[in-house]
Amino acid sequence: MTKMVAVTACIAGIAHTYMAKANLEKFAKKNGIEIKVETQGAMGMENKLSEAEIADADVVIFAVDTNVAERSRFDGKEILTVSTSEVVKDGEETIKKAIARINN
């Protein structure tokens, strides 16, 4: 099974952060992909990804509009960076782009 991890973070750290998380989870499930999403929002870092989860991931999605805390944790991983609004608008396309990163 394909495994992904993601980080979502918008400038305000409220709506788009959590809407992007929900869309990534929805469309990953629809496509048979295991995903865990860390949010970095107004409430701080939630659902923090472990080193093992990052290591096991085939690809990392950054759905962000601002800087990501502790970004060095993802060094050496295949990364797809998109805006939170892109994921909110079309989360399935984001999942497909991430799958394409794995297959290239």
PDB file of N, CA and C in Angstrom:
ATOM      1  N   MET A   1       0.838  -1.184   0.000  1.00  0.00           N
ATOM      2  CA  MET A   1       0.000   0.000   0.000  1.00  0.00           C
ATOM      3  C   MET A   1       0.882   1.245   0.000  1.00  0.00           C
ATOM      4  N   THR A   2       0.493   2.203  -0.806  1.00  0.00           N
ATOM      5  CA  THR A   2       1.189   3.479  -0.849  1.00  0.00           C
ATOM      6  C   THR A   2       0.955   4.224   0.459  1.00  0.00           C
ATOM      7  N   LYS A   3       2.035   4.819   0.985  1.00  0.00           N
ATOM      8  CA  LYS A   3       1.933   5.588   2.221  1.00  0.00           C
ATOM      9  C   LYS A   3       2.387   7.016   1.956  1.00  0.00           C
ATOM     10  N   MET A   4       1.598   7.948   2.468  1.00  0.00           N
ATOM     11  CA  MET A   4       1.928   9.367   2.361  1.00  0.00           C
ATOM     12  C   MET A   4       1.827  10.005   3.733  1.00  0.00           C
ATOM     13  N   VAL A   5       2.601  11.054   3.905  1.00  0.00           N
ATOM     14  CA  VAL A   5       2.415  11.933   5.048  1.00  0.00           C
ATOM     15  C   VAL A   5       2.270  13.338   4.477  1.00  0.00           C
ATOM     16  N   ALA A   6       1.642  14.204   5.255  1.00  0.00           N
ATOM     17  CA  ALA A   6       1.430  15.566   4.784  1.00  0.00           C
ATOM     18  C   ALA A   6       1.490  16.534   5.953  1.00  0.00           C
ATOM     19  N   VAL A   7       1.801  17.780   5.603  1.00  0.00           N
ATOM     20  CA  VAL A   7       1.758  18.884   6.558  1.00  0.00           C
ATOM     21  C   VAL A   7       0.891  19.958   5.928  1.00  0.00           C
ATOM     22  N   THR A   8      -0.090  20.453   6.694  1.00  0.00           N
ATOM     23  CA  THR A   8      -0.913  21.555   6.210  1.00  0.00           C
ATOM     24  C   THR A   8      -0.705  22.761   7.117  1.00  0.00           C
ATOM     25  N   ALA A   9      -0.618  23.938   6.497  1.00  0.00           N
ATOM     26  CA  ALA A   9      -0.424  25.175   7.263  1.00  0.00           C
ATOM     27  C   ALA A   9      -0.806  26.367   6.388  1.00  0.00           C
ATOM     28  N   CYS A  10      -1.774  27.140   6.847  1.00  0.00           N
ATOM     29  CA  CYS A  10      -2.133  28.364   6.134  1.00  0.00           C
ATOM     30  C   CYS A  10      -1.656  29.566   6.958  1.00  0.00           C
ATOM     31  N   ILE A  11      -1.733  30.720   6.394  1.00  0.00           N
ATOM     32  CA  ILE A  11      -1.218  31.922   7.053  1.00  0.00           C
ATOM     33  C   ILE A  11      -1.949  32.196   8.363  1.00  0.00           C
ATOM     34  N   ALA A  12      -3.273  32.120   8.346  1.00  0.00           N
ATOM     35  CA  ALA A  12      -4.041  32.361   9.570  1.00  0.00           C
ATOM     36  C   ALA A  12      -4.001  31.158  10.506  1.00  0.00           C
ATOM     37  N   GLY A  13      -3.773  29.982   9.925  1.00  0.00           N
ATOM     38  CA  GLY A  13      -3.681  28.775  10.739  1.00  0.00           C
ATOM     39  C   GLY A  13      -5.016  28.253  11.225  1.00  0.00           C
ATOM     40  N   ILE A  14      -6.064  28.580  10.495  1.00  0.00           N
ATOM     41  CA  ILE A  14      -7.383  28.131  10.944  1.00  0.00           C
ATOM     42  C   ILE A  14      -8.061  27.336   9.820  1.00  0.00           C
ATOM     43  N   ALA A  15      -8.915  27.951   9.066  1.00  0.00           N
ATOM     44  CA  ALA A  15      -9.791  27.237   8.139  1.00  0.00           C
ATOM     45  C   ALA A  15      -9.051  26.397   7.096  1.00  0.00           C
ATOM     46  N   HIS A  16      -8.203  27.010   6.283  1.00  0.00           N
ATOM     47  CA  HIS A  16      -7.567  26.272   5.189  1.00  0.00           C
ATOM     48  C   HIS A  16      -6.672  25.146   5.692  1.00  0.00           C
ATOM     49  N   THR A  17      -6.039  25.338   6.830  1.00  0.00           N
ATOM     50  CA  THR A  17      -5.186  24.285   7.391  1.00  0.00           C
ATOM     51  C   THR A  17      -5.993  23.008   7.590  1.00  0.00           C
ATOM     52  N   TYR A  18      -7.165  23.135   8.180  1.00  0.00           N
ATOM     53  CA  TYR A  18      -7.976  21.970   8.526  1.00  0.00           C
ATOM     54  C   TYR A  18      -8.810  21.468   7.346  1.00  0.00           C
ATOM     55  N   MET A  19      -9.222  22.366   6.461  1.00  0.00           N
ATOM     56  CA  MET A  19      -9.946  21.944   5.264  1.00  0.00           C
ATOM     57  C   MET A  19      -9.014  21.160   4.337  1.00  0.00           C
ATOM     58  N   ALA A  20      -7.757  21.596   4.224  1.00  0.00           N
ATOM     59  CA  ALA A  20      -6.786  20.872   3.407  1.00  0.00           C
ATOM     60  C   ALA A  20      -6.535  19.483   3.999  1.00  0.00           C
ATOM     61  N   LYS A  21      -6.411  19.399   5.313  1.00  0.00           N
ATOM     62  CA  LYS A  21      -6.225  18.110   5.980  1.00  0.00           C
ATOM     63  C   LYS A  21      -7.381  17.171   5.637  1.00  0.00           C
ATOM     64  N   ALA A  22      -8.589  17.661   5.778  1.00  0.00           N
ATOM     65  CA  ALA A  22      -9.777  16.839   5.517  1.00  0.00           C
ATOM     66  C   ALA A  22      -9.810  16.357   4.070  1.00  0.00           C
ATOM     67  N   ASN A  23      -9.483  17.218   3.123  1.00  0.00           N
ATOM     68  CA  ASN A  23      -9.506  16.822   1.720  1.00  0.00           C
ATOM     69  C   ASN A  23      -8.415  15.804   1.404  1.00  0.00           C
ATOM     70  N   LEU A  24      -7.230  15.978   1.950  1.00  0.00           N
ATOM     71  CA  LEU A  24      -6.167  14.994   1.721  1.00  0.00           C
ATOM     72  C   LEU A  24      -6.582  13.628   2.255  1.00  0.00           C
ATOM     73  N   GLU A  25      -7.145  13.607   3.447  1.00  0.00           N
ATOM     74  CA  GLU A  25      -7.577  12.335   4.034  1.00  0.00           C
ATOM     75  C   GLU A  25      -8.692  11.695   3.201  1.00  0.00           C
ATOM     76  N   LYS A  26      -9.642  12.499   2.770  1.00  0.00           N
ATOM     77  CA  LYS A  26     -10.780  12.000   1.987  1.00  0.00           C
ATOM     78  C   LYS A  26     -10.311  11.358   0.684  1.00  0.00           C
ATOM     79  N   PHE A  27      -9.477  12.064  -0.057  1.00  0.00           N
ATOM     80  CA  PHE A  27      -9.089  11.569  -1.372  1.00  0.00           C
ATOM     81  C   PHE A  27      -7.994  10.511  -1.304  1.00  0.00           C
ATOM     82  N   ALA A  28      -7.190  10.504  -0.261  1.00  0.00           N
ATOM     83  CA  ALA A  28      -6.245   9.404  -0.084  1.00  0.00           C
ATOM     84  C   ALA A  28      -7.035   8.116   0.145  1.00  0.00           C
ATOM     85  N   LYS A  29      -8.015   8.176   1.035  1.00  0.00           N
ATOM     86  CA  LYS A  29      -8.845   6.999   1.320  1.00  0.00           C
ATOM     87  C   LYS A  29      -9.540   6.510   0.046  1.00  0.00           C
ATOM     88  N   LYS A  30     -10.097   7.446  -0.714  1.00  0.00           N
ATOM     89  CA  LYS A  30     -10.789   7.096  -1.963  1.00  0.00           C
ATOM     90  C   LYS A  30      -9.869   6.364  -2.925  1.00  0.00           C
ATOM     91  N   ASN A  31      -8.569   6.698  -2.903  1.00  0.00           N
ATOM     92  CA  ASN A  31      -7.591   6.104  -3.816  1.00  0.00           C
ATOM     93  C   ASN A  31      -6.798   4.962  -3.175  1.00  0.00           C
ATOM     94  N   GLY A  32      -7.235   4.496  -2.006  1.00  0.00           N
ATOM     95  CA  GLY A  32      -6.586   3.361  -1.354  1.00  0.00           C
ATOM     96  C   GLY A  32      -5.196   3.652  -0.822  1.00  0.00           C
ATOM     97  N   ILE A  33      -4.990   4.876  -0.386  1.00  0.00           N
ATOM     98  CA  ILE A  33      -3.681   5.308   0.100  1.00  0.00           C
ATOM     99  C   ILE A  33      -3.756   5.595   1.592  1.00  0.00           C
ATOM    100  N   GLU A  34      -2.748   5.130   2.307  1.00  0.00           N
ATOM    101  CA  GLU A  34      -2.640   5.418   3.735  1.00  0.00           C
ATOM    102  C   GLU A  34      -1.974   6.787   3.890  1.00  0.00           C
ATOM    103  N   ILE A  35      -2.584   7.659   4.700  1.00  0.00           N
ATOM    104  CA  ILE A  35      -2.025   9.006   4.898  1.00  0.00           C
ATOM    105  C   ILE A  35      -2.184   9.430   6.347  1.00  0.00           C
ATOM    106  N   LYS A  36      -1.203  10.178   6.813  1.00  0.00           N
ATOM    107  CA  LYS A  36      -1.309  10.848   8.113  1.00  0.00           C
ATOM    108  C   LYS A  36      -0.962  12.305   7.859  1.00  0.00           C
ATOM    109  N   VAL A  37      -1.782  13.198   8.404  1.00  0.00           N
ATOM    110  CA  VAL A  37      -1.617  14.626   8.149  1.00  0.00           C
ATOM    111  C   VAL A  37      -1.346  15.363   9.452  1.00  0.00           C
ATOM    112  N   GLU A  38      -0.242  16.090   9.467  1.00  0.00           N
ATOM    113  CA  GLU A  38       0.121  16.958  10.589  1.00  0.00           C
ATOM    114  C   GLU A  38      -0.354  18.364  10.253  1.00  0.00           C
ATOM    115  N   THR A  39      -1.006  19.015  11.217  1.00  0.00           N
ATOM    116  CA  THR A  39      -1.416  20.400  10.997  1.00  0.00           C
ATOM    117  C   THR A  39      -0.521  21.327  11.813  1.00  0.00           C
ATOM    118  N   GLN A  40      -0.186  22.446  11.210  1.00  0.00           N
ATOM    119  CA  GLN A  40       0.562  23.491  11.893  1.00  0.00           C
ATOM    120  C   GLN A  40      -0.270  24.758  11.758  1.00  0.00           C
ATOM    121  N   GLY A  41      -1.139  24.952  12.746  1.00  0.00           N
ATOM    122  CA  GLY A  41      -2.088  26.044  12.671  1.00  0.00           C
ATOM    123  C   GLY A  41      -2.104  26.893  13.914  1.00  0.00           C
ATOM    124  N   ALA A  42      -3.228  27.535  14.128  1.00  0.00           N
ATOM    125  CA  ALA A  42      -3.392  28.439  15.266  1.00  0.00           C
ATOM    126  C   ALA A  42      -3.236  27.702  16.598  1.00  0.00           C
ATOM    127  N   MET A  43      -3.519  26.410  16.598  1.00  0.00           N
ATOM    128  CA  MET A  43      -3.405  25.606  17.819  1.00  0.00           C
ATOM    129  C   MET A  43      -2.007  25.018  17.980  1.00  0.00           C
ATOM    130  N   GLY A  44      -1.070  25.439  17.126  1.00  0.00           N
ATOM    131  CA  GLY A  44       0.278  24.884  17.162  1.00  0.00           C
ATOM    132  C   GLY A  44       0.350  23.640  16.288  1.00  0.00           C
ATOM    133  N   MET A  45       1.350  22.813  16.545  1.00  0.00           N
ATOM    134  CA  MET A  45       1.533  21.587  15.774  1.00  0.00           C
ATOM    135  C   MET A  45       0.656  20.491  16.376  1.00  0.00           C
ATOM    136  N   GLU A  46      -0.225  19.928  15.554  1.00  0.00           N
ATOM    137  CA  GLU A  46      -1.108  18.852  16.004  1.00  0.00           C
ATOM    138  C   GLU A  46      -0.903  17.625  15.129  1.00  0.00           C
ATOM    139  N   ASN A  47      -1.084  16.450  15.729  1.00  0.00           N
ATOM    140  CA  ASN A  47      -0.959  15.188  15.002  1.00  0.00           C
ATOM    141  C   ASN A  47       0.452  15.047  14.433  1.00  0.00           C
ATOM    142  N   LYS A  48       1.455  15.424  15.248  1.00  0.00           N
ATOM    143  CA  LYS A  48       2.850  15.452  14.799  1.00  0.00           C
ATOM    144  C   LYS A  48       3.286  14.109  14.240  1.00  0.00           C
ATOM    145  N   LEU A  49       3.919  14.169  13.085  1.00  0.00           N
ATOM    146  CA  LEU A  49       4.423  12.975  12.425  1.00  0.00           C
ATOM    147  C   LEU A  49       5.658  12.459  13.143  1.00  0.00           C
ATOM    148  N   SER A  50       5.714  11.155  13.343  1.00  0.00           N
ATOM    149  CA  SER A  50       6.879  10.551  13.982  1.00  0.00           C
ATOM    150  C   SER A  50       7.984  10.326  12.941  1.00  0.00           C
ATOM    151  N   GLU A  51       9.193  10.113  13.421  1.00  0.00           N
ATOM    152  CA  GLU A  51      10.302   9.807  12.512  1.00  0.00           C
ATOM    153  C   GLU A  51       9.993   8.559  11.701  1.00  0.00           C
ATOM    154  N   ALA A  52       9.399   7.555  12.337  1.00  0.00           N
ATOM    155  CA  ALA A  52       9.069   6.303  11.641  1.00  0.00           C
ATOM    156  C   ALA A  52       8.024   6.535  10.557  1.00  0.00           C
ATOM    157  N   GLU A  53       7.016   7.341  10.834  1.00  0.00           N
ATOM    158  CA  GLU A  53       5.979   7.627   9.834  1.00  0.00           C
ATOM    159  C   GLU A  53       6.574   8.346   8.631  1.00  0.00           C
ATOM    160  N   ILE A  54       7.469   9.273   8.899  1.00  0.00           N
ATOM    161  CA  ILE A  54       8.129  10.000   7.803  1.00  0.00           C
ATOM    162  C   ILE A  54       9.009   9.041   7.008  1.00  0.00           C
ATOM    163  N   ALA A  55       9.772   8.217   7.694  1.00  0.00           N
ATOM    164  CA  ALA A  55      10.663   7.274   7.025  1.00  0.00           C
ATOM    165  C   ALA A  55       9.887   6.283   6.156  1.00  0.00           C
ATOM    166  N   ASP A  56       8.716   5.858   6.614  1.00  0.00           N
ATOM    167  CA  ASP A  56       7.909   4.875   5.884  1.00  0.00           C
ATOM    168  C   ASP A  56       7.147   5.473   4.709  1.00  0.00           C
ATOM    169  N   ALA A  57       7.033   6.781   4.658  1.00  0.00           N
ATOM    170  CA  ALA A  57       6.235   7.433   3.615  1.00  0.00           C
ATOM    171  C   ALA A  57       6.933   7.366   2.262  1.00  0.00           C
ATOM    172  N   ASP A  58       6.127   7.117   1.235  1.00  0.00           N
ATOM    173  CA  ASP A  58       6.642   7.122  -0.133  1.00  0.00           C
ATOM    174  C   ASP A  58       6.796   8.547  -0.654  1.00  0.00           C
ATOM    175  N   VAL A  59       5.979   9.460  -0.134  1.00  0.00           N
ATOM    176  CA  VAL A  59       6.006  10.854  -0.564  1.00  0.00           C
ATOM    177  C   VAL A  59       5.448  11.726   0.563  1.00  0.00           C
ATOM    178  N   VAL A  60       5.905  12.971   0.583  1.00  0.00           N
ATOM    179  CA  VAL A  60       5.443  13.958   1.559  1.00  0.00           C
ATOM    180  C   VAL A  60       4.736  15.074   0.794  1.00  0.00           C
ATOM    181  N   ILE A  61       3.554  15.445   1.276  1.00  0.00           N
ATOM    182  CA  ILE A  61       2.839  16.584   0.694  1.00  0.00           C
ATOM    183  C   ILE A  61       2.902  17.740   1.676  1.00  0.00           C
ATOM    184  N   PHE A  62       3.400  18.883   1.208  1.00  0.00           N
ATOM    185  CA  PHE A  62       3.322  20.116   1.974  1.00  0.00           C
ATOM    186  C   PHE A  62       2.210  20.939   1.338  1.00  0.00           C
ATOM    187  N   ALA A  63       1.072  21.034   2.007  1.00  0.00           N
ATOM    188  CA  ALA A  63      -0.031  21.890   1.572  1.00  0.00           C
ATOM    189  C   ALA A  63       0.056  23.116   2.461  1.00  0.00           C
ATOM    190  N   VAL A  64       0.856  24.080   2.018  1.00  0.00           N
ATOM    191  CA  VAL A  64       1.233  25.179   2.905  1.00  0.00           C
ATOM    192  C   VAL A  64       1.228  26.521   2.182  1.00  0.00           C
ATOM    193  N   ASP A  65       0.968  27.552   2.979  1.00  0.00           N
ATOM    194  CA  ASP A  65       1.031  28.936   2.504  1.00  0.00           C
ATOM    195  C   ASP A  65       2.002  29.741   3.346  1.00  0.00           C
ATOM    196  N   THR A  66       2.719  29.072   4.218  1.00  0.00           N
ATOM    197  CA  THR A  66       3.635  29.713   5.145  1.00  0.00           C
ATOM    198  C   THR A  66       4.772  28.742   5.440  1.00  0.00           C
ATOM    199  N   ASN A  67       5.724  29.156   6.252  1.00  0.00           N
ATOM    200  CA  ASN A  67       6.851  28.287   6.582  1.00  0.00           C
ATOM    201  C   ASN A  67       6.409  27.095   7.419  1.00  0.00           C
ATOM    202  N   VAL A  68       7.078  25.980   7.221  1.00  0.00           N
ATOM    203  CA  VAL A  68       6.804  24.752   7.959  1.00  0.00           C
ATOM    204  C   VAL A  68       7.845  24.598   9.065  1.00  0.00           C
ATOM    205  N   ALA A  69       7.372  24.363  10.283  1.00  0.00           N
ATOM    206  CA  ALA A  69       8.283  24.137  11.401  1.00  0.00           C
ATOM    207  C   ALA A  69       8.968  22.786  11.238  1.00  0.00           C
ATOM    208  N   GLU A  70      10.203  22.716  11.607  1.00  0.00           N
ATOM    209  CA  GLU A  70      10.974  21.469  11.609  1.00  0.00           C
ATOM    210  C   GLU A  70      11.003  20.791  10.242  1.00  0.00           C
ATOM    211  N   ARG A  71      11.144  21.565   9.198  1.00  0.00           N
ATOM    212  CA  ARG A  71      11.131  21.029   7.828  1.00  0.00           C
ATOM    213  C   ARG A  71      12.281  20.065   7.567  1.00  0.00           C
ATOM    214  N   SER A  72      13.370  20.198   8.285  1.00  0.00           N
ATOM    215  CA  SER A  72      14.526  19.327   8.066  1.00  0.00           C
ATOM    216  C   SER A  72      14.204  17.861   8.352  1.00  0.00           C
ATOM    217  N   ARG A  73      13.120  17.584   9.084  1.00  0.00           N
ATOM    218  CA  ARG A  73      12.710  16.193   9.345  1.00  0.00           C
ATOM    219  C   ARG A  73      12.436  15.435   8.054  1.00  0.00           C
ATOM    220  N   PHE A  74      12.173  16.162   6.972  1.00  0.00           N
ATOM    221  CA  PHE A  74      11.762  15.552   5.719  1.00  0.00           C
ATOM    222  C   PHE A  74      12.885  15.497   4.687  1.00  0.00           C
ATOM    223  N   ASP A  75      14.110  15.863   5.092  1.00  0.00           N
ATOM    224  CA  ASP A  75      15.244  15.845   4.170  1.00  0.00           C
ATOM    225  C   ASP A  75      15.399  14.454   3.558  1.00  0.00           C
ATOM    226  N   GLY A  76      15.610  14.426   2.259  1.00  0.00           N
ATOM    227  CA  GLY A  76      15.818  13.169   1.558  1.00  0.00           C
ATOM    228  C   GLY A  76      14.545  12.494   1.070  1.00  0.00           C
ATOM    229  N   LYS A  77      13.388  13.038   1.423  1.00  0.00           N
ATOM    230  CA  LYS A  77      12.105  12.460   1.000  1.00  0.00           C
ATOM    231  C   LYS A  77      11.631  13.128  -0.291  1.00  0.00           C
ATOM    232  N   GLU A  78      10.842  12.406  -1.060  1.00  0.00           N
ATOM    233  CA  GLU A  78      10.185  12.981  -2.234  1.00  0.00           C
ATOM    234  C   GLU A  78       9.098  13.922  -1.721  1.00  0.00           C
ATOM    235  N   ILE A  79       9.119  15.188  -2.158  1.00  0.00           N
ATOM    236  CA  ILE A  79       8.200  16.194  -1.622  1.00  0.00           C
ATOM    237  C   ILE A  79       7.410  16.856  -2.737  1.00  0.00           C
ATOM    238  N   LEU A  80       6.110  16.994  -2.501  1.00  0.00           N
ATOM    239  CA  LEU A  80       5.224  17.767  -3.371  1.00  0.00           C
ATOM    240  C   LEU A  80       4.734  18.951  -2.548  1.00  0.00           C
ATOM    241  N   THR A  81       4.962  20.165  -3.050  1.00  0.00           N
ATOM    242  CA  THR A  81       4.516  21.362  -2.342  1.00  0.00           C
ATOM    243  C   THR A  81       3.422  22.047  -3.154  1.00  0.00           C
ATOM    244  N   VAL A  82       2.292  22.279  -2.486  1.00  0.00           N
ATOM    245  CA  VAL A  82       1.146  22.955  -3.101  1.00  0.00           C
ATOM    246  C   VAL A  82       0.565  23.924  -2.067  1.00  0.00           C
ATOM    247  N   SER A  83      -0.312  24.798  -2.519  1.00  0.00           N
ATOM    248  CA  SER A  83      -0.974  25.712  -1.588  1.00  0.00           C
ATOM    249  C   SER A  83      -2.153  25.001  -0.931  1.00  0.00           C
ATOM    250  N   THR A  84      -2.555  25.505   0.226  1.00  0.00           N
ATOM    251  CA  THR A  84      -3.729  24.927   0.881  1.00  0.00           C
ATOM    252  C   THR A  84      -4.966  25.128   0.014  1.00  0.00           C
ATOM    253  N   SER A  85      -5.074  26.262  -0.656  1.00  0.00           N
ATOM    254  CA  SER A  85      -6.263  26.512  -1.484  1.00  0.00           C
ATOM    255  C   SER A  85      -6.345  25.529  -2.647  1.00  0.00           C
ATOM    256  N   GLU A  86      -5.204  25.114  -3.171  1.00  0.00           N
ATOM    257  CA  GLU A  86      -5.194  24.117  -4.250  1.00  0.00           C
ATOM    258  C   GLU A  86      -5.774  22.793  -3.753  1.00  0.00           C
ATOM    259  N   VAL A  87      -5.423  22.405  -2.539  1.00  0.00           N
ATOM    260  CA  VAL A  87      -5.927  21.158  -1.963  1.00  0.00           C
ATOM    261  C   VAL A  87      -7.409  21.282  -1.621  1.00  0.00           C
ATOM    262  N   VAL A  88      -7.808  22.429  -1.110  1.00  0.00           N
ATOM    263  CA  VAL A  88      -9.215  22.650  -0.780  1.00  0.00           C
ATOM    264  C   VAL A  88     -10.059  22.588  -2.054  1.00  0.00           C
ATOM    265  N   LYS A  89      -9.549  23.166  -3.140  1.00  0.00           N
ATOM    266  CA  LYS A  89     -10.259  23.200  -4.412  1.00  0.00           C
ATOM    267  C   LYS A  89     -10.315  21.823  -5.079  1.00  0.00           C
ATOM    268  N   ASP A  90      -9.186  21.103  -5.060  1.00  0.00           N
ATOM    269  CA  ASP A  90      -9.112  19.818  -5.778  1.00  0.00           C
ATOM    270  C   ASP A  90      -8.123  18.880  -5.094  1.00  0.00           C
ATOM    271  N   GLY A  91      -8.546  18.338  -3.964  1.00  0.00           N
ATOM    272  CA  GLY A  91      -7.696  17.430  -3.191  1.00  0.00           C
ATOM    273  C   GLY A  91      -7.337  16.172  -3.948  1.00  0.00           C
ATOM    274  N   GLU A  92      -8.238  15.695  -4.793  1.00  0.00           N
ATOM    275  CA  GLU A  92      -7.943  14.475  -5.542  1.00  0.00           C
ATOM    276  C   GLU A  92      -6.797  14.691  -6.522  1.00  0.00           C
ATOM    277  N   GLU A  93      -6.752  15.842  -7.153  1.00  0.00           N
ATOM    278  CA  GLU A  93      -5.660  16.149  -8.081  1.00  0.00           C
ATOM    279  C   GLU A  93      -4.328  16.201  -7.331  1.00  0.00           C
ATOM    280  N   THR A  94      -4.334  16.727  -6.123  1.00  0.00           N
ATOM    281  CA  THR A  94      -3.107  16.763  -5.318  1.00  0.00           C
ATOM    282  C   THR A  94      -2.627  15.347  -5.021  1.00  0.00           C
ATOM    283  N   ILE A  95      -3.531  14.463  -4.647  1.00  0.00           N
ATOM    284  CA  ILE A  95      -3.167  13.067  -4.380  1.00  0.00           C
ATOM    285  C   ILE A  95      -2.597  12.431  -5.648  1.00  0.00           C
ATOM    286  N   LYS A  96      -3.211  12.700  -6.787  1.00  0.00           N
ATOM    287  CA  LYS A  96      -2.713  12.146  -8.068  1.00  0.00           C
ATOM    288  C   LYS A  96      -1.319  12.672  -8.398  1.00  0.00           C
ATOM    289  N   LYS A  97      -1.067  13.949  -8.130  1.00  0.00           N
ATOM    290  CA  LYS A  97       0.272  14.523  -8.368  1.00  0.00           C
ATOM    291  C   LYS A  97       1.297  13.847  -7.455  1.00  0.00           C
ATOM    292  N   ALA A  98       0.908  13.574  -6.225  1.00  0.00           N
ATOM    293  CA  ALA A  98       1.822  12.916  -5.285  1.00  0.00           C
ATOM    294  C   ALA A  98       2.124  11.494  -5.743  1.00  0.00           C
ATOM    295  N   ILE A  99       1.118  10.779  -6.229  1.00  0.00           N
ATOM    296  CA  ILE A  99       1.328   9.425  -6.755  1.00  0.00           C
ATOM    297  C   ILE A  99       2.275   9.460  -7.950  1.00  0.00           C
ATOM    298  N   ALA A 100       2.112  10.464  -8.799  1.00  0.00           N
ATOM    299  CA  ALA A 100       2.993  10.605  -9.972  1.00  0.00           C
ATOM    300  C   ALA A 100       4.442  10.810  -9.526  1.00  0.00           C
ATOM    301  N   ARG A 101       4.668  11.513  -8.428  1.00  0.00           N
ATOM    302  CA  ARG A 101       6.026  11.709  -7.903  1.00  0.00           C
ATOM    303  C   ARG A 101       6.673  10.379  -7.528  1.00  0.00           C
ATOM    304  N   ILE A 102       5.858   9.478  -6.977  1.00  0.00           N
ATOM    305  CA  ILE A 102       6.361   8.172  -6.569  1.00  0.00           C
ATOM    306  C   ILE A 102       6.722   7.337  -7.797  1.00  0.00           C
ATOM    307  N   ASN A 103       5.904   7.428  -8.817  1.00  0.00           N
ATOM    308  CA  ASN A 103       6.059   6.581  -9.999  1.00  0.00           C
ATOM    309  C   ASN A 103       7.102   7.080 -10.995  1.00  0.00           C
ATOM    310  N   ASN A 104       7.685   8.236 -10.757  1.00  0.00           N
ATOM    311  CA  ASN A 104       8.707   8.762 -11.685  1.00  0.00           C
ATOM    312  C   ASN A 104      10.088   8.359 -11.269  1.00  0.00           C
TER     313      ASN A 104
END
